[in-house]
Each structure stands twice: as C-alpha cells, then as structure tokens.
Amino acid sequence: MAQSMLLDAAPDAGGMGGVLAVVLLVMGLIVLLAVGLVLFLWYRKRSLRGLEVIRPDILPTEPAQTSKPNQP
C-alpha cells in the first residue's frame, strides 16, 4: 500500500492516451504516404528522363492520302 502512494497515477490513465496514440498514428501514416508519393514521382520522372520524344520536324509533312470532298 505504501508503494502505491508513491506513484501518482490516475485511475483511468488509458482514456486520453489511447486517443492521442491513434491521432499520432494516423498523422504518421499520412506523412509516410506523402513521402512515398514524392519519392515515387521523383523516381518516375528520373527514369523517364532518358526516353526520346518524337519531335514535330521528324513527322512526315504530308499526311497519307486523305479525301478532300470540297476540293476537285
């Protein structure tokens, strides 16, 4: 009995602590998801950097035979 008087603990110590733990856990998960998204987009941008882009000057100037009904 003397030992319990030395510890100043509330009888319902788990009520607010549980809510705080859940809030911190959710905030941590959101931060981790945001960091993961940034890293994924950065890696995707870095890996697509080496691809060649088709330039308009390479494309043929005359399209294939197209029918022009208004012109003879």
N, C-alpha and C. Protein backbone atom coordinates (compact mmCIF):
# COMPACT_ATOMS: atom_id res chain seq x y z
N MET A 1 0.82 -1.19 0.00
CA MET A 1 0.00 0.00 0.00
C MET A 1 0.86 1.25 0.00
N ALA A 2 1.97 1.20 0.65
CA ALA A 2 2.85 2.37 0.71
C ALA A 2 3.48 2.64 -0.66
N GLN A 3 3.70 1.59 -1.44
CA GLN A 3 4.30 1.78 -2.76
C GLN A 3 3.30 2.45 -3.72
N SER A 4 2.04 2.14 -3.61
CA SER A 4 1.05 2.74 -4.50
C SER A 4 0.86 4.21 -4.20
N MET A 5 1.15 4.64 -3.00
CA MET A 5 1.02 6.06 -2.67
C MET A 5 2.17 6.86 -3.25
N LEU A 6 3.31 6.21 -3.53
CA LEU A 6 4.44 6.92 -4.11
C LEU A 6 4.22 7.20 -5.60
N LEU A 7 3.43 6.36 -6.25
CA LEU A 7 3.14 6.55 -7.67
C LEU A 7 1.90 7.41 -7.81
N ASP A 8 2.04 8.52 -8.48
CA ASP A 8 0.90 9.42 -8.66
C ASP A 8 0.31 9.15 -10.04
N ALA A 9 -0.44 8.08 -10.18
CA ALA A 9 -1.05 7.70 -11.44
C ALA A 9 -2.56 7.82 -11.31
N ALA A 10 -3.17 8.37 -12.36
CA ALA A 10 -4.63 8.49 -12.35
C ALA A 10 -5.24 7.11 -12.53
N PRO A 11 -6.41 6.85 -11.97
CA PRO A 11 -7.03 5.54 -12.10
C PRO A 11 -7.40 5.20 -13.55
N ASP A 12 -7.79 6.21 -14.36
CA ASP A 12 -8.16 5.97 -15.75
C ASP A 12 -7.11 6.62 -16.65
N ALA A 13 -5.91 6.10 -16.62
CA ALA A 13 -4.82 6.71 -17.37
C ALA A 13 -4.86 6.37 -18.86
N GLY A 14 -5.62 5.38 -19.26
CA GLY A 14 -5.62 4.95 -20.66
C GLY A 14 -6.61 5.67 -21.54
N GLY A 15 -7.49 6.47 -21.02
CA GLY A 15 -8.52 7.11 -21.83
C GLY A 15 -7.98 8.09 -22.85
N MET A 16 -7.28 9.09 -22.41
CA MET A 16 -6.77 10.12 -23.31
C MET A 16 -5.51 9.64 -24.04
N GLY A 17 -4.76 8.77 -23.44
CA GLY A 17 -3.54 8.27 -24.07
C GLY A 17 -3.84 7.46 -25.32
N GLY A 18 -4.90 6.70 -25.29
CA GLY A 18 -5.28 5.91 -26.46
C GLY A 18 -5.70 6.78 -27.62
N VAL A 19 -6.45 7.81 -27.33
CA VAL A 19 -6.88 8.74 -28.38
C VAL A 19 -5.67 9.46 -28.97
N LEU A 20 -4.76 9.86 -28.12
CA LEU A 20 -3.55 10.54 -28.58
C LEU A 20 -2.69 9.61 -29.43
N ALA A 21 -2.61 8.36 -29.04
CA ALA A 21 -1.83 7.40 -29.81
C ALA A 21 -2.44 7.18 -31.20
N VAL A 22 -3.75 7.09 -31.28
CA VAL A 22 -4.41 6.89 -32.57
C VAL A 22 -4.22 8.12 -33.46
N VAL A 23 -4.36 9.30 -32.90
CA VAL A 23 -4.19 10.53 -33.68
C VAL A 23 -2.76 10.63 -34.21
N LEU A 24 -1.78 10.34 -33.37
CA LEU A 24 -0.39 10.39 -33.80
C LEU A 24 -0.09 9.31 -34.85
N LEU A 25 -0.70 8.15 -34.70
CA LEU A 25 -0.51 7.08 -35.67
C LEU A 25 -1.08 7.47 -37.04
N VAL A 26 -2.25 8.05 -37.06
CA VAL A 26 -2.87 8.48 -38.32
C VAL A 26 -2.03 9.59 -38.97
N MET A 27 -1.56 10.54 -38.17
CA MET A 27 -0.73 11.61 -38.71
C MET A 27 0.58 11.04 -39.27
N GLY A 28 1.16 10.08 -38.60
CA GLY A 28 2.38 9.46 -39.09
C GLY A 28 2.17 8.71 -40.39
N LEU A 29 1.04 8.01 -40.50
CA LEU A 29 0.73 7.31 -41.75
C LEU A 29 0.54 8.27 -42.91
N ILE A 30 -0.10 9.39 -42.65
CA ILE A 30 -0.31 10.39 -43.70
C ILE A 30 1.03 10.95 -44.17
N VAL A 31 1.91 11.23 -43.22
CA VAL A 31 3.24 11.75 -43.59
C VAL A 31 4.01 10.70 -44.38
N LEU A 32 3.95 9.44 -43.98
CA LEU A 32 4.64 8.38 -44.71
C LEU A 32 4.09 8.22 -46.12
N LEU A 33 2.78 8.30 -46.28
CA LEU A 33 2.19 8.20 -47.61
C LEU A 33 2.60 9.38 -48.49
N ALA A 34 2.68 10.58 -47.92
CA ALA A 34 3.10 11.74 -48.69
C ALA A 34 4.56 11.61 -49.13
N VAL A 35 5.41 11.14 -48.24
CA VAL A 35 6.82 10.94 -48.59
C VAL A 35 6.95 9.87 -49.66
N GLY A 36 6.19 8.80 -49.54
CA GLY A 36 6.21 7.75 -50.55
C GLY A 36 5.75 8.25 -51.91
N LEU A 37 4.73 9.08 -51.93
CA LEU A 37 4.25 9.64 -53.20
C LEU A 37 5.31 10.53 -53.84
N VAL A 38 5.96 11.36 -53.04
CA VAL A 38 7.01 12.24 -53.58
C VAL A 38 8.16 11.41 -54.13
N LEU A 39 8.57 10.39 -53.40
CA LEU A 39 9.67 9.55 -53.88
C LEU A 39 9.28 8.79 -55.15
N PHE A 40 8.06 8.30 -55.23
CA PHE A 40 7.59 7.58 -56.41
C PHE A 40 7.59 8.50 -57.63
N LEU A 41 7.05 9.71 -57.48
CA LEU A 41 7.00 10.64 -58.60
C LEU A 41 8.40 11.09 -59.02
N TRP A 42 9.29 11.29 -58.06
CA TRP A 42 10.66 11.67 -58.38
C TRP A 42 11.36 10.55 -59.14
N TYR A 43 11.20 9.32 -58.70
CA TYR A 43 11.85 8.20 -59.38
C TYR A 43 11.28 8.00 -60.78
N ARG A 44 9.98 8.18 -60.92
CA ARG A 44 9.34 8.03 -62.24
C ARG A 44 9.84 9.10 -63.19
N LYS A 45 9.95 10.34 -62.71
CA LYS A 45 10.47 11.42 -63.53
C LYS A 45 11.92 11.15 -63.92
N ARG A 46 12.70 10.63 -63.00
CA ARG A 46 14.11 10.35 -63.27
C ARG A 46 14.26 9.22 -64.28
N SER A 47 13.40 8.22 -64.18
CA SER A 47 13.53 7.08 -65.10
C SER A 47 13.01 7.42 -66.49
N LEU A 48 12.09 8.37 -66.61
CA LEU A 48 11.57 8.76 -67.92
C LEU A 48 12.44 9.82 -68.59
N ARG A 49 13.48 10.28 -67.93
CA ARG A 49 14.32 11.34 -68.46
C ARG A 49 15.06 10.90 -69.72
N GLY A 50 15.42 9.64 -69.84
CA GLY A 50 16.21 9.17 -70.96
C GLY A 50 15.42 8.83 -72.20
N LEU A 51 14.11 8.84 -72.14
CA LEU A 51 13.30 8.48 -73.30
C LEU A 51 13.34 9.59 -74.34
N GLU A 52 13.34 9.18 -75.61
CA GLU A 52 13.32 10.16 -76.69
C GLU A 52 11.89 10.58 -76.98
N VAL A 53 11.74 11.83 -77.26
CA VAL A 53 10.44 12.37 -77.59
C VAL A 53 10.40 12.57 -79.10
N ILE A 54 9.30 12.19 -79.73
CA ILE A 54 9.15 12.38 -81.17
C ILE A 54 8.94 13.87 -81.42
N ARG A 55 9.82 14.44 -82.20
CA ARG A 55 9.75 15.87 -82.48
C ARG A 55 8.85 16.10 -83.70
N PRO A 56 8.17 17.25 -83.75
CA PRO A 56 7.29 17.52 -84.89
C PRO A 56 8.03 17.58 -86.23
N ASP A 57 9.31 17.98 -86.26
CA ASP A 57 10.03 18.06 -87.52
C ASP A 57 10.37 16.69 -88.08
N ILE A 58 10.30 15.65 -87.28
CA ILE A 58 10.57 14.30 -87.74
C ILE A 58 9.33 13.70 -88.40
N LEU A 59 8.17 14.12 -87.98
CA LEU A 59 6.93 13.58 -88.53
C LEU A 59 6.81 13.96 -90.00
N PRO A 60 6.18 13.12 -90.80
CA PRO A 60 6.01 13.46 -92.22
C PRO A 60 5.15 14.71 -92.37
N THR A 61 5.54 15.54 -93.35
CA THR A 61 4.79 16.79 -93.55
C THR A 61 3.47 16.56 -94.26
N GLU A 62 3.44 15.62 -95.20
CA GLU A 62 2.21 15.31 -95.90
C GLU A 62 1.55 14.10 -95.26
N PRO A 63 0.33 14.24 -94.84
CA PRO A 63 -0.37 13.07 -94.31
C PRO A 63 -0.67 12.09 -95.44
N ALA A 64 -1.04 10.93 -95.08
CA ALA A 64 -1.40 9.91 -96.08
C ALA A 64 -2.58 10.41 -96.90
N GLN A 65 -2.89 9.69 -97.99
CA GLN A 65 -3.97 10.09 -98.88
C GLN A 65 -5.25 10.29 -98.09
N THR A 66 -5.68 11.54 -98.05
CA THR A 66 -6.94 11.84 -97.39
C THR A 66 -7.90 12.37 -98.42
N SER A 67 -9.13 12.06 -98.25
CA SER A 67 -10.14 12.54 -99.20
C SER A 67 -10.55 13.95 -98.82
N LYS A 68 -10.54 14.83 -99.80
CA LYS A 68 -10.95 16.20 -99.58
C LYS A 68 -12.18 16.44 -100.46
N PRO A 69 -13.36 16.30 -99.92
CA PRO A 69 -14.55 16.37 -100.75
C PRO A 69 -14.82 17.76 -101.30
N ASN A 70 -14.33 18.81 -100.69
CA ASN A 70 -14.61 20.16 -101.16
C ASN A 70 -13.63 20.61 -102.23
N GLN A 71 -12.59 19.87 -102.49
CA GLN A 71 -11.61 20.27 -103.49
C GLN A 71 -11.61 19.25 -104.63
N PRO A 72 -11.46 19.72 -105.88
CA PRO A 72 -11.51 18.80 -107.02
C PRO A 72 -10.28 17.91 -107.12
